């Protein structure tokens, strides 16, 4: 496990020191769903490759926020989900380099993933078909295509710039106007999310009352319990910003947060 500093950034010196003859695979998220930290995956991939180790990148939190070039990154595997990109649930993309996919056996059987079959022998189809057993979710895939069209038409750089302005505006006001607020994740390069606690207020109580005021935040450990343990908390509340959010909505969130804080403290 690669350690992190107090800002929520990976310790690259520690990362480099961890490789040995037993290292088989590096797995890392491109951007943290809790801290917003954008990890330096290109440098991490280069380091792993210098040791002959492949890398799998979880890009679910990255693809909605900035442009991804798997060839430039030199990623061996890159995965992301449609619903983070304004598409449907239950569908996504797994990119893999041909040299690795050729070596890997199918993980399930079904129609279209075989070249020939008999009771004596089965020959699998060529890539990518050997991994596509049965009828694909073509409706979900079509919807994902429309979501990608929307992102490209809007401009991923425009989306990133807008989200960053919302992030900076809200972060500055929270630190200035909310007493005892703690923000988790202060990396210099981060996506537009703010994970926070206020004083001793429980994150569930915070989320419940914010919900009553029409503000949706996520609460809990965010599927990252080891990270919560690292920071010495059970969970946090998280505000997330997207292309459709406005400064007026940021103001509404801050007003609601002040009201809830006053009630619970």
Protein backbone atom coordinates (compact mmCIF):
# COMPACT_ATOMS: atom_id res chain seq x y z
CA UNK A 1 0.00 0.00 0.00
CA UNK A 2 1.46 3.35 -1.06
CA UNK A 3 1.44 5.88 1.78
CA UNK A 4 0.04 9.41 1.50
CA UNK A 5 0.97 12.73 3.08
CA UNK A 6 -1.26 15.06 5.09
CA UNK A 7 -2.45 16.76 1.88
CA UNK A 8 -3.70 13.45 0.47
CA UNK A 9 -0.93 13.04 -2.11
CA UNK A 10 0.83 9.75 -2.76
CA UNK A 11 4.41 9.44 -1.50
CA UNK A 12 6.25 8.72 -4.76
CA UNK A 13 9.56 8.04 -3.01
CA UNK A 14 7.85 5.34 -0.95
CA UNK A 15 6.21 4.02 -4.12
CA UNK A 16 9.55 3.68 -5.92
CA UNK A 17 11.06 1.82 -2.96
CA UNK A 18 8.32 -0.82 -2.89
CA UNK A 19 9.25 -2.70 -6.07
CA UNK A 20 10.94 -6.07 -5.67
CA UNK A 21 11.05 -9.46 -7.42
CA UNK A 22 7.59 -10.32 -6.01
CA UNK A 23 5.81 -7.29 -7.50
CA UNK A 24 3.34 -8.53 -10.12
CA UNK A 25 0.95 -5.63 -10.67
CA UNK A 26 0.37 -1.99 -9.74
CA UNK A 27 -3.23 -0.87 -9.24
CA UNK A 28 -4.05 2.79 -8.61
CA UNK A 29 -6.94 5.19 -9.08
CA UNK A 30 -6.38 8.12 -11.42
CA UNK A 31 -8.35 10.44 -9.14
CA UNK A 32 -9.52 9.81 -5.58
CA UNK A 33 -13.29 9.69 -5.05
CA UNK A 34 -12.75 10.91 -1.47
CA UNK A 35 -9.92 13.41 -1.63
CA UNK A 36 -10.19 14.55 -5.23
CA UNK A 37 -6.43 14.07 -5.57
CA UNK A 38 -5.32 13.53 -9.17
CA UNK A 39 -2.52 10.99 -8.89
CA UNK A 40 0.59 11.26 -11.13
CA UNK A 41 -0.25 8.03 -12.91
CA UNK A 42 1.94 8.68 -15.96
CA UNK A 43 5.06 8.84 -13.78
CA UNK A 44 3.85 5.86 -11.75
CA UNK A 45 3.32 3.80 -14.91
CA UNK A 46 6.79 4.68 -16.19
CA UNK A 47 8.35 3.60 -12.89
CA UNK A 48 6.43 0.31 -12.89
CA UNK A 49 7.39 -0.41 -16.49
CA UNK A 50 11.06 0.14 -15.63
CA UNK A 51 10.64 -2.90 -13.37
CA UNK A 52 8.66 -4.85 -15.99
CA UNK A 53 5.42 -4.53 -14.01
CA UNK A 54 2.05 -3.80 -15.69
CA UNK A 55 -0.35 -1.18 -14.33
CA UNK A 56 -4.14 -1.09 -14.08
CA UNK A 57 -5.74 2.34 -13.65
CA UNK A 58 -9.20 2.95 -12.17
CA UNK A 59 -10.26 6.01 -14.13
CA UNK A 60 -13.90 6.22 -13.03
CA UNK A 61 -13.38 9.51 -11.20
CA UNK A 62 -11.10 10.99 -13.87
CA UNK A 63 -12.91 10.59 -17.19
CA UNK A 64 -15.74 13.09 -16.43
CA UNK A 65 -13.30 15.82 -15.44
CA UNK A 66 -10.34 15.86 -17.83
CA UNK A 67 -9.13 14.34 -21.08
CA UNK A 68 -7.62 10.85 -20.96
CA UNK A 69 -5.06 9.54 -23.46
CA UNK A 70 -4.25 5.92 -22.66
CA UNK A 71 -1.46 5.82 -25.24
CA UNK A 72 0.23 8.88 -23.76
CA UNK A 73 -0.12 7.42 -20.26
CA UNK A 74 1.13 4.06 -21.58
CA UNK A 75 -1.45 2.36 -19.33
CA UNK A 76 -1.69 -1.42 -19.57
CA UNK A 77 -5.31 -1.38 -18.40
CA UNK A 78 -7.70 1.54 -17.91
CA UNK A 79 -11.26 1.19 -16.61
CA UNK A 80 -14.12 3.66 -16.23
CA UNK A 81 -17.88 3.63 -15.76
CA UNK A 82 -20.60 5.35 -17.77
CA UNK A 83 -22.68 6.70 -14.89
CA UNK A 84 -19.84 8.98 -13.78
CA UNK A 85 -19.96 10.54 -17.24
CA UNK A 86 -23.68 11.40 -17.25
CA UNK A 87 -24.47 8.04 -18.85
CA UNK A 88 -26.42 4.99 -17.62
CA UNK A 89 -25.52 2.64 -14.79
CA UNK A 90 -24.27 -0.89 -15.35
CA UNK A 91 -22.01 -0.24 -18.32
CA UNK A 92 -18.46 1.00 -18.76
CA UNK A 93 -15.18 0.50 -20.57
CA UNK A 94 -12.14 -1.65 -19.89
CA UNK A 95 -9.20 -0.79 -22.12
CA UNK A 96 -6.30 -3.21 -22.22
CA UNK A 97 -3.13 -3.54 -24.22
CA UNK A 98 -3.29 -6.25 -26.84
CA UNK A 99 -0.22 -8.10 -25.54
CA UNK A 100 -1.89 -8.66 -22.16
CA UNK A 101 -5.38 -9.39 -23.45
CA UNK A 102 -3.98 -12.04 -25.79
CA UNK A 103 -2.50 -13.86 -22.79
CA UNK A 104 -5.63 -13.67 -20.65
CA UNK A 105 -8.32 -16.37 -20.83
CA UNK A 106 -12.02 -15.44 -21.03
CA UNK A 107 -13.57 -15.02 -17.59
CA UNK A 108 -17.00 -16.24 -18.72
CA UNK A 109 -18.53 -18.18 -21.58
CA UNK A 110 -21.41 -17.43 -23.91
CA UNK A 111 -22.41 -16.65 -27.46
CA UNK A 112 -20.05 -14.83 -29.86
CA UNK A 113 -16.91 -15.43 -27.78
CA UNK A 114 -15.89 -18.66 -29.53
CA UNK A 115 -14.40 -19.27 -32.95
CA UNK A 116 -15.28 -22.95 -33.03
CA UNK A 117 -16.65 -25.40 -30.49
CA UNK A 118 -16.95 -29.16 -30.26
CA UNK A 119 -17.12 -31.68 -27.44
CA UNK A 120 -13.40 -32.25 -27.88
CA UNK A 121 -12.07 -28.70 -28.24
CA UNK A 122 -13.02 -25.03 -28.07
CA UNK A 123 -11.17 -22.24 -29.84
CA UNK A 124 -11.87 -18.73 -28.62
CA UNK A 125 -12.58 -15.79 -30.91
CA UNK A 126 -10.07 -13.01 -31.53
CA UNK A 127 -9.93 -9.85 -29.46
CA UNK A 128 -12.04 -8.24 -28.24
CA UNK A 129 -14.76 -10.80 -28.89
CA UNK A 130 -13.39 -13.52 -26.63
CA UNK A 131 -14.28 -11.33 -23.64
CA UNK A 132 -17.76 -10.39 -24.88
CA UNK A 133 -19.88 -13.38 -23.97
CA UNK A 134 -23.58 -13.26 -24.78
CA UNK A 135 -25.70 -10.32 -25.86
CA UNK A 136 -23.96 -7.08 -24.90
CA UNK A 137 -25.76 -4.19 -23.21
CA UNK A 138 -26.14 -2.42 -26.52
CA UNK A 139 -28.77 -0.03 -25.16
CA UNK A 140 -26.44 1.06 -22.35
CA UNK A 141 -23.52 1.27 -24.77
CA UNK A 142 -25.57 3.50 -27.09
CA UNK A 143 -26.42 5.76 -24.15
CA UNK A 144 -22.74 5.89 -23.15
CA UNK A 145 -21.93 6.98 -26.69
CA UNK A 146 -24.41 9.86 -26.36
CA UNK A 147 -22.87 10.83 -23.01
CA UNK A 148 -19.41 10.92 -24.58
CA UNK A 149 -20.82 13.05 -27.41
CA UNK A 150 -22.17 15.47 -24.79
CA UNK A 151 -18.80 15.71 -23.04
CA UNK A 152 -16.96 16.29 -26.30
CA UNK A 153 -19.52 18.80 -27.58
CA UNK A 154 -19.40 20.75 -24.30
CA UNK A 155 -15.61 20.46 -24.20
CA UNK A 156 -13.86 18.57 -21.43
CA UNK A 157 -11.53 21.54 -20.88
CA UNK A 158 -14.53 23.84 -20.47
CA UNK A 159 -16.07 21.42 -17.98
CA UNK A 160 -12.82 21.20 -16.00
CA UNK A 161 -12.44 24.99 -15.88
CA UNK A 162 -16.03 25.50 -14.71
CA UNK A 163 -15.78 22.82 -12.02
CA UNK A 164 -12.46 24.22 -10.79
CA UNK A 165 -13.98 27.68 -10.34
CA UNK A 166 -16.82 26.17 -8.29
CA UNK A 167 -14.31 24.20 -6.23
CA UNK A 168 -12.10 27.21 -5.47
CA UNK A 169 -15.06 29.46 -4.67
CA UNK A 170 -16.71 27.00 -2.29
CA UNK A 171 -13.48 25.91 -0.61
CA UNK A 172 -12.46 29.50 0.10
CA UNK A 173 -15.85 30.40 1.56
CA UNK A 174 -16.02 27.23 3.67
CA UNK A 175 -12.63 27.95 5.22
CA UNK A 176 -13.53 31.61 5.81
CA UNK A 177 -17.10 31.21 7.02
CA UNK A 178 -17.56 27.78 8.64
CA UNK A 179 -15.89 27.52 12.06
CA UNK A 180 -14.13 24.22 12.87
CA UNK A 181 -14.45 22.90 9.31
CA UNK A 182 -11.94 20.26 8.28
CA UNK A 183 -11.38 19.58 4.59
CA UNK A 184 -9.84 16.24 3.65
CA UNK A 185 -7.76 16.39 0.49
CA UNK A 186 -5.75 19.52 -0.19
CA UNK A 187 -3.61 18.35 -3.09
CA UNK A 188 -2.42 21.03 -5.50
CA UNK A 189 -3.98 19.02 -8.32
CA UNK A 190 -7.47 17.79 -7.46
CA UNK A 191 -10.92 17.22 -8.93
CA UNK A 192 -13.97 19.23 -7.93
CA UNK A 193 -15.03 17.49 -4.72
CA UNK A 194 -14.85 18.61 -1.10
CA UNK A 195 -14.84 16.00 1.66
CA UNK A 196 -15.32 17.62 5.03
CA UNK A 197 -16.35 17.45 8.68
CA UNK A 198 -17.41 20.29 10.97
CA UNK A 199 -16.35 20.06 14.61
CA UNK A 200 -17.74 16.94 16.25
CA UNK A 201 -20.87 16.78 14.08
CA UNK A 202 -21.47 13.26 12.77
CA UNK A 203 -21.37 13.07 8.99
CA UNK A 204 -24.69 11.18 8.86
CA UNK A 205 -26.44 13.90 10.89
CA UNK A 206 -24.91 16.52 8.62
CA UNK A 207 -26.10 14.73 5.50
CA UNK A 208 -29.63 14.12 6.81
CA UNK A 209 -30.25 17.76 7.68
CA UNK A 210 -28.65 19.07 4.50
CA UNK A 211 -30.98 16.76 2.60
CA UNK A 212 -33.98 18.32 4.36
CA UNK A 213 -32.77 21.68 3.09
CA UNK A 214 -32.55 20.43 -0.50
CA UNK A 215 -28.79 19.87 -0.62
CA UNK A 216 -27.50 16.43 -1.62
CA UNK A 217 -24.14 15.34 -0.22
CA UNK A 218 -22.77 11.85 0.18
CA UNK A 219 -21.85 10.63 3.65
CA UNK A 220 -19.99 7.62 5.03
CA UNK A 221 -16.66 5.98 4.32
CA UNK A 222 -17.10 6.24 0.53
CA UNK A 223 -15.92 2.66 -0.03
CA UNK A 224 -12.53 3.76 1.33
CA UNK A 225 -12.39 2.55 4.93
CA UNK A 226 -8.56 2.27 5.04
CA UNK A 227 -8.38 5.94 4.03
CA UNK A 228 -10.82 6.89 6.79
CA UNK A 229 -8.66 4.94 9.25
CA UNK A 230 -5.60 6.84 8.04
CA UNK A 231 -7.26 10.15 8.85
CA UNK A 232 -8.67 8.87 12.13
CA UNK A 233 -12.34 9.31 11.23
CA UNK A 234 -15.30 6.98 10.63
CA UNK A 235 -16.53 8.88 7.62
CA UNK A 236 -16.93 12.28 6.01
CA UNK A 237 -19.49 14.31 4.09
CA UNK A 238 -18.68 14.99 0.46
CA UNK A 239 -19.91 17.73 -1.84
CA UNK A 240 -19.38 17.03 -5.55
CA UNK A 241 -19.46 19.54 -8.38
CA UNK A 242 -20.37 18.88 -12.00
CA UNK A 243 -20.83 20.74 -15.25
CA UNK A 244 -24.49 21.51 -14.48
CA UNK A 245 -23.82 23.10 -11.06
CA UNK A 246 -23.92 26.89 -10.58
CA UNK A 247 -22.45 29.44 -8.17
CA UNK A 248 -25.98 30.01 -6.88
CA UNK A 249 -26.12 26.34 -5.89
CA UNK A 250 -22.77 26.69 -4.13
CA UNK A 251 -24.26 29.60 -2.18
CA UNK A 252 -27.32 27.50 -1.31
CA UNK A 253 -25.03 24.70 -0.06
CA UNK A 254 -23.02 27.12 2.09
CA UNK A 255 -26.15 28.72 3.53
CA UNK A 256 -27.57 25.29 4.36
CA UNK A 257 -24.26 24.18 5.87
CA UNK A 258 -24.20 27.23 8.16
CA UNK A 259 -27.77 26.55 9.25
CA UNK A 260 -27.14 22.86 9.92
CA UNK A 261 -23.91 23.60 11.76
CA UNK A 262 -25.72 26.08 14.02
CA UNK A 263 -28.39 23.49 14.82
CA UNK A 264 -26.06 20.55 15.51
CA UNK A 265 -23.43 22.43 17.46
